[in-house]
PDB file of N, CA and C in Angstrom:
ATOM      1  N   UNK A   1       0.827  -1.191   0.000  1.00  0.00           N
ATOM      2  CA  UNK A   1       0.000   0.000   0.000  1.00  0.00           C
ATOM      3  C   UNK A   1       0.870   1.253   0.000  1.00  0.00           C
ATOM      4  N   UNK A   2       1.943   1.226   0.797  1.00  0.00           N
ATOM      5  CA  UNK A   2       2.821   2.393   0.881  1.00  0.00           C
ATOM      6  C   UNK A   2       3.557   2.613  -0.440  1.00  0.00           C
ATOM      7  N   UNK A   3       3.951   1.507  -1.099  1.00  0.00           N
ATOM      8  CA  UNK A   3       4.684   1.602  -2.367  1.00  0.00           C
ATOM      9  C   UNK A   3       3.776   2.206  -3.435  1.00  0.00           C
ATOM     10  N   UNK A   4       2.528   1.789  -3.451  1.00  0.00           N
ATOM     11  CA  UNK A   4       1.588   2.318  -4.446  1.00  0.00           C
ATOM     12  C   UNK A   4       1.336   3.798  -4.209  1.00  0.00           C
ATOM     13  N   UNK A   5       1.173   4.197  -2.954  1.00  0.00           N
ATOM     14  CA  UNK A   5       0.944   5.598  -2.628  1.00  0.00           C
ATOM     15  C   UNK A   5       2.166   6.440  -2.988  1.00  0.00           C
ATOM     16  N   UNK A   6       3.338   5.907  -2.692  1.00  0.00           N
ATOM     17  CA  UNK A   6       4.574   6.617  -3.011  1.00  0.00           C
ATOM     18  C   UNK A   6       4.736   6.790  -4.521  1.00  0.00           C
ATOM     19  N   UNK A   7       4.503   5.717  -5.308  1.00  0.00           N
ATOM     20  CA  UNK A   7       4.657   5.812  -6.768  1.00  0.00           C
ATOM     21  C   UNK A   7       3.597   6.743  -7.367  1.00  0.00           C
ATOM     22  N   UNK A   8       2.378   6.712  -6.839  1.00  0.00           N
ATOM     23  CA  UNK A   8       1.332   7.615  -7.333  1.00  0.00           C
ATOM     24  C   UNK A   8       1.685   9.067  -7.036  1.00  0.00           C
ATOM     25  N   UNK A   9       2.211   9.337  -5.834  1.00  0.00           N
ATOM     26  CA  UNK A   9       2.563  10.716  -5.493  1.00  0.00           C
ATOM     27  C   UNK A   9       3.717  11.216  -6.369  1.00  0.00           C
ATOM     28  N   UNK A  10       4.698  10.378  -6.633  1.00  0.00           N
ATOM     29  CA  UNK A  10       5.811  10.761  -7.518  1.00  0.00           C
ATOM     30  C   UNK A  10       5.280  11.074  -8.913  1.00  0.00           C
ATOM     31  N   UNK A  11       4.402  10.255  -9.434  1.00  0.00           N
ATOM     32  CA  UNK A  11       3.830  10.467 -10.769  1.00  0.00           C
ATOM     33  C   UNK A  11       3.029  11.763 -10.808  1.00  0.00           C
ATOM     34  N   UNK A  12       2.215  12.009  -9.795  1.00  0.00           N
ATOM     35  CA  UNK A  12       1.364  13.208  -9.761  1.00  0.00           C
ATOM     36  C   UNK A  12       2.215  14.475  -9.653  1.00  0.00           C
ATOM     37  N   UNK A  13       3.232  14.441  -8.797  1.00  0.00           N
ATOM     38  CA  UNK A  13       4.107  15.615  -8.651  1.00  0.00           C
ATOM     39  C   UNK A  13       4.917  15.871  -9.921  1.00  0.00           C
ATOM     40  N   UNK A  14       5.331  14.816 -10.599  1.00  0.00           N
ATOM     41  CA  UNK A  14       6.058  14.982 -11.864  1.00  0.00           C
ATOM     42  C   UNK A  14       5.167  15.635 -12.910  1.00  0.00           C
ATOM     43  N   UNK A  15       3.921  15.200 -12.976  1.00  0.00           N
ATOM     44  CA  UNK A  15       2.975  15.785 -13.921  1.00  0.00           C
ATOM     45  C   UNK A  15       2.745  17.263 -13.618  1.00  0.00           C
ATOM     46  N   UNK A  16       2.599  17.602 -12.337  1.00  0.00           N
ATOM     47  CA  UNK A  16       2.430  19.015 -11.955  1.00  0.00           C
ATOM     48  C   UNK A  16       3.661  19.834 -12.328  1.00  0.00           C
ATOM     49  N   UNK A  17       4.846  19.261 -12.184  1.00  0.00           N
ATOM     50  CA  UNK A  17       6.071  19.953 -12.560  1.00  0.00           C
ATOM     51  C   UNK A  17       6.128  20.223 -14.054  1.00  0.00           C
ATOM     52  N   UNK A  18       5.721  19.251 -14.840  1.00  0.00           N
ATOM     53  CA  UNK A  18       5.698  19.424 -16.302  1.00  0.00           C
ATOM     54  C   UNK A  18       4.716  20.526 -16.678  1.00  0.00           C
ATOM     55  N   UNK A  19       3.525  20.542 -16.050  1.00  0.00           N
ATOM     56  CA  UNK A  19       2.543  21.594 -16.334  1.00  0.00           C
ATOM     57  C   UNK A  19       3.066  22.971 -15.935  1.00  0.00           C
ATOM     58  N   UNK A  20       3.756  23.046 -14.805  1.00  0.00           N
ATOM     59  CA  UNK A  20       4.322  24.326 -14.352  1.00  0.00           C
ATOM     60  C   UNK A  20       5.332  24.864 -15.354  1.00  0.00           C
ATOM     61  N   UNK A  21       6.225  24.003 -15.829  1.00  0.00           N
ATOM     62  CA  UNK A  21       7.224  24.437 -16.817  1.00  0.00           C
ATOM     63  C   UNK A  21       6.537  24.869 -18.103  1.00  0.00           C
ATOM     64  N   UNK A  22       5.512  24.136 -18.519  1.00  0.00           N
ATOM     65  CA  UNK A  22       4.810  24.475 -19.758  1.00  0.00           C
ATOM     66  C   UNK A  22       4.155  25.855 -19.663  1.00  0.00           C
ATOM     67  N   UNK A  23       3.395  26.117 -18.583  1.00  0.00           N
ATOM     68  CA  UNK A  23       2.702  27.392 -18.454  1.00  0.00           C
ATOM     69  C   UNK A  23       3.667  28.554 -18.220  1.00  0.00           C
ATOM     70  N   UNK A  24       4.824  28.292 -17.631  1.00  0.00           N
ATOM     71  CA  UNK A  24       5.828  29.337 -17.422  1.00  0.00           C
ATOM     72  C   UNK A  24       6.386  29.823 -18.763  1.00  0.00           C
ATOM     73  N   UNK A  25       6.567  28.895 -19.727  1.00  0.00           N
ATOM     74  CA  UNK A  25       7.165  29.244 -21.019  1.00  0.00           C
ATOM     75  C   UNK A  25       6.127  29.383 -22.130  1.00  0.00           C
ATOM     76  N   UNK A  26       4.846  29.321 -21.801  1.00  0.00           N
ATOM     77  CA  UNK A  26       3.785  29.365 -22.815  1.00  0.00           C
ATOM     78  C   UNK A  26       3.789  30.684 -23.570  1.00  0.00           C
ATOM     79  N   UNK A  27       3.906  31.815 -22.877  1.00  0.00           N
ATOM     80  CA  UNK A  27       3.896  33.128 -23.531  1.00  0.00           C
ATOM     81  C   UNK A  27       5.128  33.307 -24.426  1.00  0.00           C
ATOM     82  N   UNK A  28       6.251  32.798 -23.997  1.00  0.00           N
ATOM     83  CA  UNK A  28       7.468  32.891 -24.808  1.00  0.00           C
ATOM     84  C   UNK A  28       7.316  32.079 -26.103  1.00  0.00           C
ATOM     85  N   UNK A  29       6.666  30.922 -26.004  1.00  0.00           N
ATOM     86  CA  UNK A  29       6.459  30.088 -27.192  1.00  0.00           C
ATOM     87  C   UNK A  29       5.530  30.768 -28.189  1.00  0.00           C
ATOM     88  N   UNK A  30       4.496  31.474 -27.686  1.00  0.00           N
ATOM     89  CA  UNK A  30       3.587  32.171 -28.588  1.00  0.00           C
ATOM     90  C   UNK A  30       4.266  33.338 -29.286  1.00  0.00           C
ATOM     91  N   UNK A  31       5.234  33.958 -28.647  1.00  0.00           N
ATOM     92  CA  UNK A  31       5.923  35.112 -29.219  1.00  0.00           C
ATOM     93  C   UNK A  31       6.934  34.708 -30.295  1.00  0.00           C
ATOM     94  N   UNK A  32       7.331  33.479 -30.341  1.00  0.00           N
ATOM     95  CA  UNK A  32       8.317  33.029 -31.336  1.00  0.00           C
ATOM     96  C   UNK A  32       7.713  33.052 -32.733  1.00  0.00           C
ATOM     97  N   UNK A  33       8.495  33.482 -33.742  1.00  0.00           N
ATOM     98  CA  UNK A  33       7.984  33.454 -35.114  1.00  0.00           C
ATOM     99  C   UNK A  33       7.972  32.016 -35.643  1.00  0.00           C
ATOM    100  N   UNK A  34       7.074  31.788 -36.591  1.00  0.00           N
ATOM    101  CA  UNK A  34       7.006  30.445 -37.186  1.00  0.00           C
ATOM    102  C   UNK A  34       8.202  30.236 -38.099  1.00  0.00           C
ATOM    103  N   UNK A  35       8.763  29.085 -38.001  1.00  0.00           N
ATOM    104  CA  UNK A  35       9.903  28.733 -38.842  1.00  0.00           C
ATOM    105  C   UNK A  35       9.651  27.367 -39.456  1.00  0.00           C
ATOM    106  N   UNK A  36      10.073  27.273 -40.688  1.00  0.00           N
ATOM    107  CA  UNK A  36       9.963  25.977 -41.339  1.00  0.00           C
ATOM    108  C   UNK A  36      11.188  25.155 -40.954  1.00  0.00           C
ATOM    109  N   UNK A  37      10.937  24.063 -40.345  1.00  0.00           N
ATOM    110  CA  UNK A  37      12.021  23.216 -39.864  1.00  0.00           C
ATOM    111  C   UNK A  37      12.138  22.018 -40.799  1.00  0.00           C
ATOM    112  N   UNK A  38      13.320  21.890 -41.387  1.00  0.00           N
ATOM    113  CA  UNK A  38      13.581  20.732 -42.236  1.00  0.00           C
ATOM    114  C   UNK A  38      14.412  19.739 -41.443  1.00  0.00           C
ATOM    115  N   UNK A  39      13.910  18.589 -41.366  1.00  0.00           N
ATOM    116  CA  UNK A  39      14.628  17.567 -40.625  1.00  0.00           C
ATOM    117  C   UNK A  39      15.717  16.958 -41.489  1.00  0.00           C
ATOM    118  N   UNK A  40      16.847  16.757 -40.903  1.00  0.00           N
ATOM    119  CA  UNK A  40      17.958  16.141 -41.622  1.00  0.00           C
ATOM    120  C   UNK A  40      17.623  14.690 -41.959  1.00  0.00           C
ATOM    121  N   UNK A  41      16.806  14.077 -41.128  1.00  0.00           N
ATOM    122  CA  UNK A  41      16.456  12.676 -41.378  1.00  0.00           C
ATOM    123  C   UNK A  41      15.632  12.524 -42.647  1.00  0.00           C
ATOM    124  N   UNK A  42      14.738  13.483 -42.912  1.00  0.00           N
ATOM    125  CA  UNK A  42      13.915  13.359 -44.109  1.00  0.00           C
ATOM    126  C   UNK A  42      14.783  13.439 -45.370  1.00  0.00           C
ATOM    127  N   UNK A  43      15.784  14.332 -45.362  1.00  0.00           N
ATOM    128  CA  UNK A  43      16.701  14.401 -46.506  1.00  0.00           C
ATOM    129  C   UNK A  43      17.493  13.105 -46.622  1.00  0.00           C
ATOM    130  N   UNK A  44      17.913  12.597 -45.478  1.00  0.00           N
ATOM    131  CA  UNK A  44      18.688  11.361 -45.463  1.00  0.00           C
ATOM    132  C   UNK A  44      17.866  10.201 -46.021  1.00  0.00           C
ATOM    133  N   UNK A  45      16.619  10.095 -45.574  1.00  0.00           N
ATOM    134  CA  UNK A  45      15.748   9.023 -46.068  1.00  0.00           C
ATOM    135  C   UNK A  45      15.448   9.193 -47.551  1.00  0.00           C
ATOM    136  N   UNK A  46      15.307  10.424 -48.004  1.00  0.00           N
ATOM    137  CA  UNK A  46      15.058  10.673 -49.423  1.00  0.00           C
ATOM    138  C   UNK A  46      16.260  10.229 -50.266  1.00  0.00           C
ATOM    139  N   UNK A  47      17.476  10.536 -49.785  1.00  0.00           N
ATOM    140  CA  UNK A  47      18.679  10.105 -50.503  1.00  0.00           C
ATOM    141  C   UNK A  47      18.766   8.577 -50.565  1.00  0.00           C
ATOM    142  N   UNK A  48      18.457   7.938 -49.443  1.00  0.00           N
ATOM    143  CA  UNK A  48      18.491   6.470 -49.417  1.00  0.00           C
ATOM    144  C   UNK A  48      17.457   5.908 -50.381  1.00  0.00           C
ATOM    145  N   UNK A  49      16.266   6.497 -50.387  1.00  0.00           N
ATOM    146  CA  UNK A  49      15.202   6.029 -51.272  1.00  0.00           C
ATOM    147  C   UNK A  49      15.613   6.153 -52.737  1.00  0.00           C
ATOM    148  N   UNK A  50      16.235   7.277 -53.093  1.00  0.00           N
ATOM    149  CA  UNK A  50      16.682   7.468 -54.477  1.00  0.00           C
ATOM    150  C   UNK A  50      17.773   6.477 -54.849  1.00  0.00           C
ATOM    151  N   UNK A  51      18.706   6.230 -53.948  1.00  0.00           N
ATOM    152  CA  UNK A  51      19.792   5.292 -54.250  1.00  0.00           C
ATOM    153  C   UNK A  51      19.288   3.859 -54.358  1.00  0.00           C
ATOM    154  N   UNK A  52      18.312   3.535 -53.543  1.00  0.00           N
ATOM    155  CA  UNK A  52      17.744   2.187 -53.618  1.00  0.00           C
ATOM    156  C   UNK A  52      17.037   1.999 -54.950  1.00  0.00           C
ATOM    157  N   UNK A  53      16.347   3.029 -55.427  1.00  0.00           N
ATOM    158  CA  UNK A  53      15.668   2.929 -56.722  1.00  0.00           C
ATOM    159  C   UNK A  53      16.661   2.754 -57.862  1.00  0.00           C
ATOM    160  N   UNK A  54      17.865   3.293 -57.692  1.00  0.00           N
ATOM    161  CA  UNK A  54      18.882   3.172 -58.731  1.00  0.00           C
ATOM    162  C   UNK A  54      19.496   1.774 -58.790  1.00  0.00           C
ATOM    163  N   UNK A  55      19.406   1.030 -57.699  1.00  0.00           N
ATOM    164  CA  UNK A  55      19.987  -0.304 -57.685  1.00  0.00           C
ATOM    165  C   UNK A  55      19.276  -1.209 -58.688  1.00  0.00           C
ATOM    166  N   UNK A  56      20.053  -2.047 -59.326  1.00  0.00           N
ATOM    167  CA  UNK A  56      19.506  -2.936 -60.346  1.00  0.00           C
ATOM    168  C   UNK A  56      18.530  -3.943 -59.754  1.00  0.00           C
ATOM    169  N   UNK A  57      18.765  -4.297 -58.501  1.00  0.00           N
ATOM    170  CA  UNK A  57      17.954  -5.315 -57.849  1.00  0.00           C
ATOM    171  C   UNK A  57      16.496  -4.879 -57.702  1.00  0.00           C
ATOM    172  N   UNK A  58      16.248  -3.594 -57.526  1.00  0.00           N
ATOM    173  CA  UNK A  58      14.896  -3.112 -57.274  1.00  0.00           C
ATOM    174  C   UNK A  58      14.200  -2.572 -58.521  1.00  0.00           C
ATOM    175  N   UNK A  59      14.791  -2.701 -59.664  1.00  0.00           N
ATOM    176  CA  UNK A  59      14.154  -2.231 -60.893  1.00  0.00           C
ATOM    177  C   UNK A  59      13.305  -3.343 -61.478  1.00  0.00           C
ATOM    178  N   UNK A  60      12.278  -2.929 -62.224  1.00  0.00           N
ATOM    179  CA  UNK A  60      11.370  -3.930 -62.804  1.00  0.00           C
ATOM    180  C   UNK A  60      12.080  -4.813 -63.817  1.00  0.00           C
ATOM    181  N   UNK A  61      12.974  -4.233 -64.573  1.00  0.00           N
ATOM    182  CA  UNK A  61      13.638  -5.030 -65.599  1.00  0.00           C
ATOM    183  C   UNK A  61      14.430  -6.170 -64.968  1.00  0.00           C
ATOM    184  N   UNK A  62      15.004  -5.944 -63.810  1.00  0.00           N
ATOM    185  CA  UNK A  62      15.745  -7.013 -63.132  1.00  0.00           C
ATOM    186  C   UNK A  62      14.827  -8.185 -62.840  1.00  0.00           C
ATOM    187  N   UNK A  63      13.652  -7.897 -62.297  1.00  0.00           N
ATOM    188  CA  UNK A  63      12.724  -8.969 -61.944  1.00  0.00           C
ATOM    189  C   UNK A  63      12.186  -9.665 -63.186  1.00  0.00           C
ATOM    190  N   UNK A  64      11.968  -8.913 -64.242  1.00  0.00           N
ATOM    191  CA  UNK A  64      11.498  -9.533 -65.483  1.00  0.00           C
ATOM    192  C   UNK A  64      12.562 -10.471 -66.047  1.00  0.00           C
ATOM    193  N   UNK A  65      13.808 -10.034 -66.028  1.00  0.00           N
ATOM    194  CA  UNK A  65      14.898 -10.874 -66.531  1.00  0.00           C
ATOM    195  C   UNK A  65      15.057 -12.109 -65.650  1.00  0.00           C
ATOM    196  N   UNK A  66      14.993 -11.918 -64.337  1.00  0.00           N
ATOM    197  CA  UNK A  66      15.106 -13.043 -63.401  1.00  0.00           C
ATOM    198  C   UNK A  66      13.987 -14.047 -63.627  1.00  0.00           C
ATOM    199  N   UNK A  67      12.763 -13.550 -63.806  1.00  0.00           N
ATOM    200  CA  UNK A  67      11.628 -14.439 -64.038  1.00  0.00           C
ATOM    201  C   UNK A  67      11.786 -15.192 -65.352  1.00  0.00           C
ATOM    202  N   UNK A  68      12.240 -14.502 -66.387  1.00  0.00           N
ATOM    203  CA  UNK A  68      12.425 -15.160 -67.684  1.00  0.00           C
ATOM    204  C   UNK A  68      13.479 -16.262 -67.591  1.00  0.00           C
ATOM    205  N   UNK A  69      14.593 -15.972 -66.920  1.00  0.00           N
ATOM    206  CA  UNK A  69      15.639 -16.981 -66.776  1.00  0.00           C
ATOM    207  C   UNK A  69      15.143 -18.179 -65.967  1.00  0.00           C
ATOM    208  N   UNK A  70      14.426 -17.890 -64.908  1.00  0.00           N
ATOM    209  CA  UNK A  70      13.908 -18.978 -64.071  1.00  0.00           C
ATOM    210  C   UNK A  70      12.935 -19.854 -64.848  1.00  0.00           C
ATOM    211  N   UNK A  71      12.038 -19.225 -65.588  1.00  0.00           N
ATOM    212  CA  UNK A  71      11.072 -19.994 -66.374  1.00  0.00           C
ATOM    213  C   UNK A  71      11.759 -20.816 -67.461  1.00  0.00           C
ATOM    214  N   UNK A  72      12.808 -20.265 -68.065  1.00  0.00           N
ATOM    215  CA  UNK A  72      13.556 -21.002 -69.077  1.00  0.00           C
ATOM    216  C   UNK A  72      14.219 -22.232 -68.464  1.00  0.00           C
ATOM    217  N   UNK A  73      14.812 -22.062 -67.273  1.00  0.00           N
ATOM    218  CA  UNK A  73      15.453 -23.198 -66.608  1.00  0.00           C
ATOM    219  C   UNK A  73      14.426 -24.267 -66.235  1.00  0.00           C
ATOM    220  N   UNK A  74      13.285 -23.832 -65.761  1.00  0.00           N
ATOM    221  CA  UNK A  74      12.222 -24.779 -65.405  1.00  0.00           C
ATOM    222  C   UNK A  74      11.728 -25.510 -66.648  1.00  0.00           C
ATOM    223  N   UNK A  75      11.592 -24.784 -67.747  1.00  0.00           N
ATOM    224  CA  UNK A  75      11.137 -25.398 -69.001  1.00  0.00           C
ATOM    225  C   UNK A  75      12.127 -26.459 -69.465  1.00  0.00           C
ATOM    226  N   UNK A  76      13.420 -26.146 -69.402  1.00  0.00           N
ATOM    227  CA  UNK A  76      14.446 -27.111 -69.801  1.00  0.00           C
ATOM    228  C   UNK A  76      14.388 -28.346 -68.910  1.00  0.00           C
ATOM    229  N   UNK A  77      14.230 -28.125 -67.613  1.00  0.00           N
ATOM    230  CA  UNK A  77      14.132 -29.246 -66.681  1.00  0.00           C
ATOM    231  C   UNK A  77      12.922 -30.126 -66.999  1.00  0.00           C
ATOM    232  N   UNK A  78      11.789 -29.511 -67.288  1.00  0.00           N
ATOM    233  CA  UNK A  78      10.582 -30.271 -67.614  1.00  0.00           C
ATOM    234  C   UNK A  78      10.777 -31.065 -68.906  1.00  0.00           C
ATOM    235  N   UNK A  79      11.416 -30.443 -69.888  1.00  0.00           N
ATOM    236  CA  UNK A  79      11.669 -31.157 -71.151  1.00  0.00           C
ATOM    237  C   UNK A  79      12.615 -32.344 -70.938  1.00  0.00           C
ATOM    238  N   UNK A  80      13.619 -32.171 -70.079  1.00  0.00           N
ATOM    239  CA  UNK A  80      14.528 -33.287 -69.795  1.00  0.00           C
ATOM    240  C   UNK A  80      13.787 -34.432 -69.106  1.00  0.00           C
ATOM    241  N   UNK A  81      12.935 -34.079 -68.162  1.00  0.00           N
ATOM    242  CA  UNK A  81      12.162 -35.112 -67.469  1.00  0.00           C
ATOM    243  C   UNK A  81      11.221 -35.814 -68.442  1.00  0.00           C
ATOM    244  N   UNK A  82      10.604 -35.039 -69.311  1.00  0.00           N
ATOM    245  CA  UNK A  82       9.695 -35.612 -70.304  1.00  0.00           C
ATOM    246  C   UNK A  82      10.448 -36.571 -71.226  1.00  0.00           C
ATOM    247  N   UNK A  83      11.624 -36.162 -71.677  1.00  0.00           N
ATOM    248  CA  UNK A  83      12.434 -37.015 -72.550  1.00  0.00           C
ATOM    249  C   UNK A  83      12.859 -38.284 -71.815  1.00  0.00           C
ATOM    250  N   UNK A  84      13.250 -38.155 -70.560  1.00  0.00           N
ATOM    251  CA  UNK A  84      13.638 -39.315 -69.758  1.00  0.00           C
ATOM    252  C   UNK A  84      12.477 -40.299 -69.633  1.00  0.00           C
ATOM    253  N   UNK A  85      11.297 -39.772 -69.315  1.00  0.00           N
ATOM    254  CA  UNK A  85      10.122 -40.637 -69.181  1.00  0.00           C
ATOM    255  C   UNK A  85       9.741 -41.289 -70.508  1.00  0.00           C
ATOM    256  N   UNK A  86       9.872 -40.561 -71.588  1.00  0.00           N
ATOM    257  CA  UNK A  86       9.578 -41.120 -72.904  1.00  0.00           C
ATOM    258  C   UNK A  86      10.510 -42.290 -73.221  1.00  0.00           C
ATOM    259  N   UNK A  87      11.801 -42.109 -72.952  1.00  0.00           N
ATOM    260  CA  UNK A  87      12.759 -43.176 -73.203  1.00  0.00           C
ATOM    261  C   UNK A  87      12.461 -44.410 -72.346  1.00  0.00           C
ATOM    262  N   UNK A  88      12.103 -44.170 -71.092  1.00  0.00           N
ATOM    263  CA  UNK A  88      11.777 -45.294 -70.209  1.00  0.00           C
ATOM    264  C   UNK A  88      10.539 -46.046 -70.700  1.00  0.00           C
ATOM    265  N   UNK A  89       9.531 -45.308 -71.147  1.00  0.00           N
ATOM    266  CA  UNK A  89       8.329 -45.984 -71.654  1.00  0.00           C
ATOM    267  C   UNK A  89       8.649 -46.763 -72.919  1.00  0.00           C
ATOM    268  N   UNK A  90       9.508 -46.240 -73.780  1.00  0.00           N
ATOM    269  CA  UNK A  90       9.899 -46.961 -74.988  1.00  0.00           C
ATOM    270  C   UNK A  90      10.626 -48.260 -74.619  1.00  0.00           C
ATOM    271  N   UNK A  91      11.520 -48.181 -73.649  1.00  0.00           N
ATOM    272  CA  UNK A  91      12.232 -49.387 -73.217  1.00  0.00           C
ATOM    273  C   UNK A  91      11.272 -50.414 -72.640  1.00  0.00           C
ATOM    274  N   UNK A  92      10.301 -49.929 -71.872  1.00  0.00           N
ATOM    275  CA  UNK A  92       9.309 -50.849 -71.312  1.00  0.00           C
ATOM    276  C   UNK A  92       8.476 -51.505 -72.411  1.00  0.00           C
ATOM    277  N   UNK A  93       8.112 -50.739 -73.436  1.00  0.00           N
ATOM    278  CA  UNK A  93       7.350 -51.305 -74.552  1.00  0.00           C
ATOM    279  C   UNK A  93       8.165 -52.366 -75.272  1.00  0.00           C
ATOM    280  N   UNK A  94       9.444 -52.064 -75.526  1.00  0.00           N
ATOM    281  CA  UNK A  94      10.311 -53.034 -76.191  1.00  0.00           C
ATOM    282  C   UNK A  94      10.481 -54.293 -75.334  1.00  0.00           C
ATOM    283  N   UNK A  95      10.647 -54.098 -74.033  1.00  0.00           N
ATOM    284  CA  UNK A  95      10.791 -55.233 -73.132  1.00  0.00           C
ATOM    285  C   UNK A  95       9.524 -56.085 -73.125  1.00  0.00           C
ATOM    286  N   UNK A  96       8.381 -55.441 -73.147  1.00  0.00           N
ATOM    287  CA  UNK A  96       7.103 -56.156 -73.154  1.00  0.00           C
ATOM    288  C   UNK A  96       6.957 -56.979 -74.437  1.00  0.00           C
ATOM    289  N   UNK A  97       7.348 -56.367 -75.553  1.00  0.00           N
ATOM    290  CA  UNK A  97       7.279 -57.081 -76.836  1.00  0.00           C
ATOM    291  C   UNK A  97       8.206 -58.297 -76.814  1.00  0.00           C
ATOM    292  N   UNK A  98       9.415 -58.128 -76.292  1.00  0.00           N
ATOM    293  CA  UNK A  98      10.360 -59.240 -76.208  1.00  0.00           C
ATOM    294  C   UNK A  98       9.844 -60.339 -75.290  1.00  0.00           C
ATOM    295  N   UNK A  99       9.215 -59.946 -74.190  1.00  0.00           N
ATOM    296  CA  UNK A  99       8.666 -60.940 -73.265  1.00  0.00           C
ATOM    297  C   UNK A  99       7.541 -61.746 -73.915  1.00  0.00           C
ATOM    298  N   UNK A 100       6.794 -61.113 -74.814  1.00  0.00           N
ATOM    299  CA  UNK A 100       5.735 -61.840 -75.508  1.00  0.00           C
ATOM    300  C   UNK A 100       6.325 -62.813 -76.526  1.00  0.00           C
ATOM    301  N   UNK A 101       7.440 -62.450 -77.130  1.00  0.00           N
ATOM    302  CA  UNK A 101       8.064 -63.323 -78.133  1.00  0.00           C
ATOM    303  C   UNK A 101       8.762 -64.519 -77.489  1.00  0.00           C
ATOM    304  N   UNK A 102       9.358 -64.315 -76.351  1.00  0.00           N
ATOM    305  CA  UNK A 102      10.138 -65.370 -75.700  1.00  0.00           C
ATOM    306  C   UNK A 102       9.282 -66.597 -75.367  1.00  0.00           C
ATOM    307  N   UNK A 103       8.095 -66.440 -74.813  1.00  0.00           N
ATOM    308  CA  UNK A 103       7.313 -67.658 -74.544  1.00  0.00           C
ATOM    309  C   UNK A 103       6.981 -68.433 -75.815  1.00  0.00           C
ATOM    310  N   UNK A 104       6.752 -67.755 -76.914  1.00  0.00           N
ATOM    311  CA  UNK A 104       6.464 -68.457 -78.171  1.00  0.00           C
ATOM    312  C   UNK A 104       7.661 -69.285 -78.591  1.00  0.00           C
ATOM    313  N   UNK A 105       8.808 -68.674 -78.524  1.00  0.00           N
ATOM    314  CA  UNK A 105      10.015 -69.391 -78.936  1.00  0.00           C
ATOM    315  C   UNK A 105      10.278 -70.576 -78.012  1.00  0.00           C
ATOM    316  N   UNK A 106      10.170 -70.346 -76.738  1.00  0.00           N
ATOM    317  CA  UNK A 106      10.428 -71.441 -75.796  1.00  0.00           C
ATOM    318  C   UNK A 106       9.384 -72.555 -75.953  1.00  0.00           C
ATOM    319  N   UNK A 107       8.166 -72.192 -76.293  1.00  0.00           N
ATOM    320  CA  UNK A 107       7.132 -73.192 -76.514  1.00  0.00           C
ATOM    321  C   UNK A 107       7.528 -74.103 -77.669  1.00  0.00           C
ATOM    322  N   UNK A 108       7.976 -73.531 -78.769  1.00  0.00           N
ATOM    323  CA  UNK A 108       8.360 -74.323 -79.932  1.00  0.00           C
ATOM    324  C   UNK A 108       9.625 -75.127 -79.674  1.00  0.00           C
ATOM    325  N   UNK A 109      10.505 -74.570 -78.851  1.00  0.00           N
ATOM    326  CA  UNK A 109      11.698 -75.341 -78.506  1.00  0.00           C
ATOM    327  C   UNK A 109      11.324 -76.593 -77.697  1.00  0.00           C
ATOM    328  N   UNK A 110      10.384 -76.428 -76.817  1.00  0.00           N
ATOM    329  CA  UNK A 110       9.939 -77.582 -76.012  1.00  0.00           C
ATOM    330  C   UNK A 110       9.295 -78.622 -76.897  1.00  0.00           C
ATOM    331  N   UNK A 111       8.546 -78.193 -77.854  1.00  0.00           N
ATOM    332  CA  UNK A 111       7.893 -79.147 -78.754  1.00  0.00           C
ATOM    333  C   UNK A 111       8.926 -79.901 -79.581  1.00  0.00           C
ATOM    334  N   UNK A 112       9.930 -79.208 -80.055  1.00  0.00           N
ATOM    335  CA  UNK A 112      10.996 -79.856 -80.848  1.00  0.00           C
ATOM    336  C   UNK A 112      11.738 -80.901 -80.000  1.00  0.00           C
ATOM    337  N   UNK A 113      11.959 -80.550 -78.754  1.00  0.00           N
ATOM    338  CA  UNK A 113      12.665 -81.492 -77.895  1.00  0.00           C
ATOM    339  C   UNK A 113      11.843 -82.760 -77.642  1.00  0.00           C
ATOM    340  N   UNK A 114      10.553 -82.601 -77.646  1.00  0.00           N
ATOM    341  CA  UNK A 114       9.689 -83.760 -77.415  1.00  0.00           C
ATOM    342  C   UNK A 114       9.735 -84.725 -78.618  1.00  0.00           C
ATOM    343  N   UNK A 115       9.975 -84.255 -79.767  1.00  0.00           N
ATOM    344  CA  UNK A 115       9.976 -85.118 -80.966  1.00  0.00           C
ATOM    345  C   UNK A 115      11.158 -85.974 -81.053  1.00  0.00           C
TER     346      UNK A 115
END
């Protein structure tokens, strides 16, 4: 309870002190002429923004070229896979045809041996 009362009193007195300083200097602030204040940070951020736009990485042409290259590589990969699968299916077809011929030949060989 004492800690809460102490912290509340410190906060309240600090707020009163801030108000006192504000009202003491209020008339002086009104008497000051208006000045346009340019922040150095805004110029700094503007320079950074301009330099970033100049970088090749952030230009549209960079992304278009990157996308085109990526799509070309993917297309080549797909064509290679397609060719590989085609060759495998051809080998399987040839193997199937040979397997069908072999029983016929072996059948006739067995018949010849029986004679």
